[in-house]
Amino acid sequence: MGESSGSVSIDVERISFGGKEHIVQTGCGTVSVAVFGDQEKPALVTYPDVALNYMSCFQGLIFCPEASSLLLHNFCMYHISPPGHELGAGPISSDVPVPSVDDLADQVAEVLDFFGLKAVMCMGVTAGAYILTLFASSLLQSKYPDRVVGLILVAPLCKTPSWAQWLYTKVMSNLLYFYGMCGLAKEFLLQRYFSKEVRGSAQFPESDIVQACRSLLDERQAINVWRFLESMNGRHDLTKDLKNIQCKTLIFVGDSSPFHSDAIHMSSKLDRRYSALVEVQECGSVVTEEQPHAMLIPLEYFFMGYGLYRPCHLSSSPRSPLCSSCISPEMLSPESMGVKLRPIKTRLL
């Protein structure tokens, strides 16, 4: 663990689901970081969507044995929770100003400084994807030089909200502010995350992952979720900066995601030499939970471009392209994970 720098210090450290959770004080408030793995390994920083944390946004991917061996073999994972979204969080005082999206991106930099992390891989979902893209795009102003070596973005946002998105978010914000985490607010959020196939209907019950997410939403402090929504509703357009992001970028989006068009737009504006888009059939926004297996092979090829691999003795899956006999110099080239990945279609298992 690195020494603190600047205004960042650890207040609390505790064991949480096999990792260490650190409550870190930054220039615009505290932020929770759950650390899993050997801190001598390269860093993979995650950031979840609104009202989620690492347990409700990334556990499906991490607990998938094939993906787990790939991620934990190669990385130490640093799960950043949005302010007030960590397990057991209390309500944030109304005296604390609502942070801007720039404040949240600055928090990411402060957390990296504390842990002594110079260059990191980043994985974010929807709102979290926006924050990490904003952090990466700040490289253009040399604000955070050479900090991001790769971006994995799930149902990402990069534009200002459309009028429909802004109004939809305002309705959800008002529900949370005046009525708390009520049933209607939870339905709005579940529609944001998941496809109708897993949300269920009159004929079919909702899936286990939706039931688990519904229970976890009951534990969120509504005022904290409201604050993050307000931050995101004030986001600015990153489109003009995307062409200049030189790190490799891999985008996943479900074809049933309400942010599908946003992901397509973002993919079209990124440098095609360094980016790829994977569309997942019959899936919503949180691909990490709904269809984590659909992410495996694209992630393996993506990481191959960095010389990373999944140890063969941890997998007997015929779907895995990573083994000592099949890695070629061409697969390790920048083009190996490139634009020809779009569109990869997968089907619900």
Protein backbone atom coordinates (compact mmCIF):
# COMPACT_ATOMS: atom_id res chain seq x y z
CA MET A 1 0.00 0.00 0.00
CA GLY A 2 1.33 3.38 -0.97
CA GLU A 3 1.83 6.35 1.28
CA SER A 4 -0.70 9.14 1.28
CA SER A 5 -0.04 12.18 -0.83
CA GLY A 6 -1.64 15.60 -0.96
CA SER A 7 -4.96 15.71 0.83
CA VAL A 8 -5.60 11.98 0.67
CA SER A 9 -5.42 9.72 3.73
CA ILE A 10 -6.94 6.49 4.94
CA ASP A 11 -9.46 6.80 7.75
CA VAL A 12 -10.65 3.20 7.95
CA GLU A 13 -9.46 -0.14 6.60
CA ARG A 14 -11.49 -3.30 6.98
CA ILE A 15 -11.92 -6.71 5.45
CA SER A 16 -14.87 -6.89 3.03
CA PHE A 17 -15.70 -9.99 0.98
CA GLY A 18 -12.10 -11.16 0.86
CA GLY A 19 -10.65 -7.74 0.04
CA LYS A 20 -9.63 -4.69 2.01
CA GLU A 21 -11.95 -1.71 1.98
CA HIS A 22 -10.30 1.68 2.40
CA ILE A 23 -12.24 4.84 3.21
CA VAL A 24 -10.11 7.54 1.59
CA GLN A 25 -10.40 11.26 2.25
CA THR A 26 -10.10 13.33 -0.92
CA GLY A 27 -10.39 17.01 -1.73
CA CYS A 28 -14.16 16.70 -2.28
CA GLY A 29 -15.12 14.17 0.38
CA THR A 30 -14.57 10.56 1.28
CA VAL A 31 -14.60 7.70 -1.20
CA SER A 32 -14.54 3.94 -0.62
CA VAL A 33 -12.01 1.76 -2.43
CA ALA A 34 -12.18 -2.03 -2.08
CA VAL A 35 -8.90 -3.66 -3.02
CA PHE A 36 -8.67 -7.28 -4.19
CA GLY A 37 -5.45 -9.06 -5.10
CA ASP A 38 -1.70 -8.58 -5.00
CA GLN A 39 -0.86 -4.89 -5.02
CA GLU A 40 2.41 -5.67 -6.77
CA LYS A 41 0.41 -6.53 -9.90
CA PRO A 42 -0.87 -4.02 -12.47
CA ALA A 43 -3.95 -2.09 -11.35
CA LEU A 44 -7.47 -2.47 -12.73
CA VAL A 45 -9.69 0.36 -11.47
CA THR A 46 -13.47 -0.09 -11.62
CA TYR A 47 -16.31 2.40 -11.24
CA PRO A 48 -19.99 1.29 -11.16
CA ASP A 49 -23.22 2.82 -12.39
CA VAL A 50 -25.65 4.90 -10.34
CA ALA A 51 -26.93 3.21 -7.14
CA LEU A 52 -24.51 0.28 -7.58
CA ASN A 53 -21.18 -0.66 -6.04
CA TYR A 54 -18.63 -3.35 -6.82
CA MET A 55 -20.77 -6.10 -5.27
CA SER A 56 -23.85 -5.27 -7.33
CA CYS A 57 -22.09 -4.21 -10.55
CA PHE A 58 -19.03 -6.43 -11.01
CA GLN A 59 -19.50 -9.60 -8.94
CA GLY A 60 -21.13 -11.47 -11.84
CA LEU A 61 -18.00 -10.95 -13.91
CA ILE A 62 -15.55 -11.49 -11.08
CA PHE A 63 -17.27 -14.64 -9.81
CA CYS A 64 -17.40 -16.12 -13.31
CA PRO A 65 -14.53 -18.68 -12.98
CA GLU A 66 -13.03 -18.06 -16.41
CA ALA A 67 -13.10 -14.28 -16.08
CA SER A 68 -11.93 -14.44 -12.48
CA SER A 69 -8.81 -16.37 -13.45
CA LEU A 70 -8.11 -13.85 -16.22
CA LEU A 71 -8.61 -10.76 -14.04
CA LEU A 72 -7.12 -11.86 -10.73
CA HIS A 73 -4.14 -13.57 -12.39
CA ASN A 74 -3.16 -10.33 -14.12
CA PHE A 75 -4.40 -7.51 -11.90
CA CYS A 76 -4.96 -6.11 -8.48
CA MET A 77 -8.49 -4.71 -8.60
CA TYR A 78 -9.32 -1.33 -7.08
CA HIS A 79 -13.10 -0.92 -6.88
CA ILE A 80 -14.04 2.73 -6.40
CA SER A 81 -17.58 3.34 -5.17
CA PRO A 82 -19.34 6.63 -5.94
CA PRO A 83 -19.61 8.79 -2.81
CA GLY A 84 -22.06 7.22 -0.37
CA HIS A 85 -22.53 4.02 -2.41
CA GLU A 86 -20.25 1.73 -0.41
CA LEU A 87 -21.60 -1.11 1.73
CA GLY A 88 -23.12 0.25 4.94
CA ALA A 89 -22.86 3.91 3.89
CA GLY A 90 -24.89 6.45 5.80
CA PRO A 91 -26.61 9.47 4.23
CA ILE A 92 -24.31 12.26 3.10
CA SER A 93 -25.03 15.52 4.88
CA SER A 94 -27.02 18.13 2.98
CA ASP A 95 -24.26 20.59 3.94
CA VAL A 96 -21.88 18.80 1.57
CA PRO A 97 -22.11 20.23 -1.97
CA VAL A 98 -23.10 17.89 -4.78
CA PRO A 99 -19.85 17.14 -6.67
CA SER A 100 -19.51 17.88 -10.35
CA VAL A 101 -18.41 15.13 -12.73
CA ASP A 102 -15.01 16.86 -12.85
CA ASP A 103 -14.81 16.56 -9.05
CA LEU A 104 -15.51 12.83 -9.32
CA ALA A 105 -12.80 12.40 -11.99
CA ASP A 106 -10.39 14.31 -9.74
CA GLN A 107 -11.26 11.87 -6.93
CA VAL A 108 -10.08 9.02 -9.15
CA ALA A 109 -6.73 10.77 -9.58
CA GLU A 110 -6.42 11.33 -5.83
CA VAL A 111 -7.15 7.69 -5.09
CA LEU A 112 -4.49 6.61 -7.59
CA ASP A 113 -2.02 9.00 -5.99
CA PHE A 114 -2.68 7.53 -2.56
CA PHE A 115 -2.02 3.97 -3.68
CA GLY A 116 1.02 5.06 -5.66
CA LEU A 117 -0.51 3.94 -8.97
CA LYS A 118 1.05 5.52 -12.04
CA ALA A 119 -0.62 3.77 -14.99
CA VAL A 120 -3.86 1.80 -14.68
CA MET A 121 -6.44 -0.15 -16.67
CA CYS A 122 -9.98 1.16 -16.13
CA MET A 123 -13.40 -0.55 -16.28
CA GLY A 124 -16.63 1.40 -15.83
CA VAL A 125 -20.35 0.88 -16.33
CA THR A 126 -22.59 3.67 -17.75
CA ALA A 127 -22.14 6.58 -15.28
CA GLY A 128 -18.90 4.99 -14.07
CA ALA A 129 -17.77 4.64 -17.69
CA TYR A 130 -18.35 8.36 -18.17
CA ILE A 131 -16.30 9.27 -15.08
CA LEU A 132 -13.38 7.09 -16.19
CA THR A 133 -13.57 8.39 -19.79
CA LEU A 134 -13.53 11.94 -18.42
CA PHE A 135 -10.49 11.00 -16.33
CA ALA A 136 -8.76 9.56 -19.43
CA SER A 137 -9.71 12.53 -21.61
CA SER A 138 -8.15 14.88 -19.07
CA LEU A 139 -4.82 13.52 -20.34
CA LEU A 140 -5.29 15.83 -23.31
CA GLN A 141 -4.72 18.83 -21.07
CA SER A 142 -1.81 16.96 -19.43
CA LYS A 143 -3.80 17.06 -16.22
CA TYR A 144 -3.16 13.37 -15.55
CA PRO A 145 -0.38 12.40 -17.99
CA ASP A 146 0.06 8.71 -18.80
CA ARG A 147 -2.33 7.48 -16.14
CA VAL A 148 -4.70 5.31 -18.25
CA VAL A 149 -3.30 2.49 -20.38
CA GLY A 150 -6.66 0.97 -21.38
CA LEU A 151 -10.41 1.56 -21.07
CA ILE A 152 -13.10 -1.12 -20.79
CA LEU A 153 -16.45 0.66 -20.99
CA VAL A 154 -19.85 -0.99 -20.51
CA ALA A 155 -22.89 0.86 -21.92
CA PRO A 156 -20.92 4.13 -21.73
CA LEU A 157 -22.08 7.73 -21.89
CA CYS A 158 -20.08 10.53 -23.46
CA LYS A 159 -22.61 13.22 -24.45
CA THR A 160 -24.68 15.64 -22.45
CA PRO A 161 -28.11 14.21 -21.61
CA SER A 162 -30.75 14.45 -24.30
CA TRP A 163 -33.97 16.20 -23.25
CA ALA A 164 -35.62 12.81 -22.82
CA GLN A 165 -32.73 11.48 -20.70
CA TRP A 166 -32.59 14.68 -18.66
CA LEU A 167 -36.33 14.59 -17.95
CA TYR A 168 -36.30 10.86 -17.17
CA THR A 169 -33.42 11.37 -14.72
CA LYS A 170 -35.18 14.33 -13.12
CA VAL A 171 -38.29 12.23 -12.51
CA MET A 172 -36.18 9.52 -10.92
CA SER A 173 -34.26 12.10 -8.86
CA ASN A 174 -37.48 13.60 -7.54
CA LEU A 175 -38.78 10.16 -6.56
CA LEU A 176 -35.59 9.48 -4.63
CA TYR A 177 -35.50 12.91 -3.02
CA PHE A 178 -39.11 12.99 -1.85
CA TYR A 179 -40.01 9.31 -1.43
CA GLY A 180 -36.69 7.53 -0.90
CA MET A 181 -35.86 4.19 -2.52
CA CYS A 182 -39.51 3.46 -3.24
CA GLY A 183 -40.82 0.72 -5.49
CA LEU A 184 -41.17 3.00 -8.53
CA ALA A 185 -37.63 4.35 -8.16
CA LYS A 186 -36.30 0.78 -8.04
CA GLU A 187 -38.24 -0.10 -11.20
CA PHE A 188 -36.71 2.90 -12.98
CA LEU A 189 -33.24 1.75 -11.96
CA LEU A 190 -33.82 -1.90 -12.88
CA GLN A 191 -35.02 -0.80 -16.34
CA ARG A 192 -31.79 1.18 -16.63
CA TYR A 193 -29.67 -1.88 -15.81
CA PHE A 194 -31.34 -4.97 -17.28
CA SER A 195 -33.16 -6.23 -20.37
CA LYS A 196 -36.84 -7.11 -20.18
CA GLU A 197 -35.90 -10.79 -20.65
CA VAL A 198 -34.40 -10.98 -17.15
CA ARG A 199 -36.72 -8.42 -15.51
CA GLY A 200 -39.55 -10.87 -16.03
CA SER A 201 -43.20 -10.49 -16.96
CA ALA A 202 -46.63 -11.78 -16.02
CA GLN A 203 -45.71 -15.14 -17.54
CA PHE A 204 -42.08 -15.36 -16.40
CA PRO A 205 -40.60 -14.50 -12.99
CA GLU A 206 -37.71 -12.08 -12.79
CA SER A 207 -34.26 -13.66 -12.73
CA ASP A 208 -32.08 -14.21 -9.69
CA ILE A 209 -29.74 -11.37 -10.65
CA VAL A 210 -32.63 -8.90 -10.76
CA GLN A 211 -33.96 -10.14 -7.41
CA ALA A 212 -30.48 -9.80 -5.89
CA CYS A 213 -30.09 -6.29 -7.31
CA ARG A 214 -33.52 -5.28 -6.01
CA SER A 215 -32.46 -6.38 -2.50
CA LEU A 216 -29.18 -4.48 -2.75
CA LEU A 217 -31.01 -1.33 -3.83
CA ASP A 218 -32.95 -1.49 -0.56
CA GLU A 219 -29.61 -0.91 1.21
CA ARG A 220 -28.74 2.26 -0.74
CA GLN A 221 -29.25 5.65 0.82
CA ALA A 222 -31.67 7.42 -1.52
CA ILE A 223 -30.13 10.85 -0.92
CA ASN A 224 -26.69 9.55 -1.95
CA VAL A 225 -28.10 8.07 -5.16
CA TRP A 226 -29.89 11.37 -5.81
CA ARG A 227 -26.58 13.22 -5.49
CA PHE A 228 -24.86 10.99 -8.07
CA LEU A 229 -27.79 11.36 -10.47
CA GLU A 230 -27.62 15.15 -10.09
CA SER A 231 -23.88 15.04 -10.85
CA MET A 232 -24.47 12.96 -13.98
CA ASN A 233 -27.37 15.11 -15.17
CA GLY A 234 -24.93 18.03 -15.24
CA ARG A 235 -22.30 16.21 -17.29
CA HIS A 236 -20.67 17.83 -20.32
CA ASP A 237 -19.98 16.51 -23.81
CA LEU A 238 -16.74 14.56 -24.27
CA THR A 239 -17.25 13.84 -27.97
CA LYS A 240 -14.64 16.28 -29.28
CA ASP A 241 -11.94 14.77 -27.07
CA LEU A 242 -12.53 11.13 -27.97
CA LYS A 243 -10.46 11.07 -31.18
CA ASN A 244 -7.42 12.03 -29.16
CA ILE A 245 -7.68 9.23 -26.59
CA GLN A 246 -4.76 7.02 -27.59
CA CYS A 247 -5.18 4.19 -25.11
CA LYS A 248 -6.96 1.05 -26.34
CA THR A 249 -10.68 1.12 -25.66
CA LEU A 250 -13.08 -1.83 -25.60
CA ILE A 251 -16.81 -1.04 -25.45
CA PHE A 252 -19.55 -3.50 -24.49
CA VAL A 253 -23.25 -2.73 -24.80
CA GLY A 254 -26.41 -4.81 -24.73
CA ASP A 255 -28.75 -4.31 -27.66
CA SER A 256 -31.59 -3.77 -25.15
CA SER A 257 -29.71 -1.10 -23.21
CA PRO A 258 -31.36 2.35 -23.06
CA PHE A 259 -27.83 3.65 -23.73
CA HIS A 260 -27.22 1.56 -26.85
CA SER A 261 -27.24 4.59 -29.18
CA ASP A 262 -24.86 6.44 -26.85
CA ALA A 263 -22.38 3.55 -27.05
CA ILE A 264 -22.65 3.45 -30.86
CA HIS A 265 -22.04 7.20 -31.00
CA MET A 266 -19.01 6.93 -28.74
CA SER A 267 -17.56 4.06 -30.77
CA SER A 268 -17.93 6.07 -33.98
CA LYS A 269 -15.96 8.99 -32.51
CA LEU A 270 -13.04 7.02 -31.08
CA ASP A 271 -9.90 6.35 -33.10
CA ARG A 272 -10.70 3.07 -34.85
CA ARG A 273 -7.07 1.94 -34.65
CA TYR A 274 -7.38 1.66 -30.89
CA SER A 275 -11.04 0.84 -30.23
CA ALA A 276 -13.60 -1.93 -30.62
CA LEU A 277 -17.32 -2.34 -29.98
CA VAL A 278 -18.98 -5.55 -28.79
CA GLU A 279 -22.78 -5.65 -28.98
CA VAL A 280 -24.44 -8.32 -26.84
CA GLN A 281 -27.82 -9.63 -27.92
CA GLU A 282 -30.79 -9.75 -25.54
CA CYS A 283 -28.91 -7.88 -22.84
CA GLY A 284 -29.32 -4.58 -20.99
CA SER A 285 -26.70 -2.11 -19.78
CA VAL A 286 -25.01 -4.03 -16.96
CA VAL A 287 -23.42 -6.72 -19.13
CA THR A 288 -21.05 -7.52 -16.24
CA GLU A 289 -24.01 -8.99 -14.34
CA GLU A 290 -26.48 -10.07 -17.01
CA GLN A 291 -24.14 -11.79 -19.47
CA PRO A 292 -20.58 -11.83 -18.08
CA HIS A 293 -19.60 -14.81 -20.26
CA ALA A 294 -20.16 -12.63 -23.34
CA MET A 295 -17.25 -10.45 -22.17
CA LEU A 296 -14.70 -13.23 -21.75
CA ILE A 297 -13.24 -13.77 -25.22
CA PRO A 298 -13.16 -10.04 -26.18
CA LEU A 299 -11.42 -9.32 -22.85
CA GLU A 300 -8.89 -12.06 -23.48
CA TYR A 301 -7.97 -10.69 -26.88
CA PHE A 302 -7.92 -7.16 -25.51
CA PHE A 303 -5.51 -8.10 -22.71
CA MET A 304 -3.37 -10.06 -25.15
CA GLY A 305 -2.43 -6.74 -26.70
CA TYR A 306 -0.72 -5.94 -23.40
CA GLY A 307 1.04 -9.31 -23.15
CA LEU A 308 -1.41 -10.53 -20.48
CA TYR A 309 -2.95 -13.98 -20.46
CA ARG A 310 -5.11 -16.43 -18.54
CA PRO A 311 -3.16 -19.42 -17.14
CA CYS A 312 -4.20 -22.58 -18.98
CA HIS A 313 -4.23 -24.75 -15.86
CA LEU A 314 -7.07 -22.61 -14.49
CA SER A 315 -9.32 -23.26 -17.46
CA SER A 316 -10.54 -26.20 -19.47
CA SER A 317 -12.92 -24.08 -21.53
CA PRO A 318 -12.74 -24.71 -25.29
CA ARG A 319 -13.94 -21.13 -25.75
CA SER A 320 -10.71 -19.70 -24.41
CA PRO A 321 -8.35 -18.51 -27.17
CA LEU A 322 -5.49 -18.08 -24.73
CA CYS A 323 -2.98 -20.89 -24.53
CA SER A 324 0.73 -21.18 -25.19
CA SER A 325 0.19 -22.95 -28.52
CA CYS A 326 -2.18 -20.39 -30.02
CA ILE A 327 -0.60 -17.00 -29.19
CA SER A 328 0.96 -15.46 -32.29
CA PRO A 329 2.74 -12.14 -32.82
CA GLU A 330 -0.24 -10.97 -34.90
CA MET A 331 -2.57 -11.51 -31.93
CA LEU A 332 -0.37 -9.24 -29.83
CA SER A 333 -0.46 -6.40 -32.36
CA PRO A 334 -2.56 -3.27 -31.74
CA GLU A 335 -4.85 -4.36 -34.56
CA SER A 336 -5.59 -7.72 -32.94
CA MET A 337 -8.30 -6.23 -30.71
CA GLY A 338 -9.34 -3.63 -33.21
CA VAL A 339 -12.26 -2.48 -35.22
CA LYS A 340 -13.10 -5.83 -36.79
CA LEU A 341 -14.67 -6.84 -33.49
CA ARG A 342 -17.75 -4.80 -34.37
CA PRO A 343 -20.33 -6.15 -34.33
CA ILE A 344 -19.85 -9.30 -32.27
CA LYS A 345 -23.26 -10.78 -31.51
CA THR A 346 -23.81 -13.18 -28.66
CA ARG A 347 -26.96 -14.94 -27.62
CA LEU A 348 -28.52 -15.37 -24.21
CA LEU A 349 -27.37 -18.68 -22.75
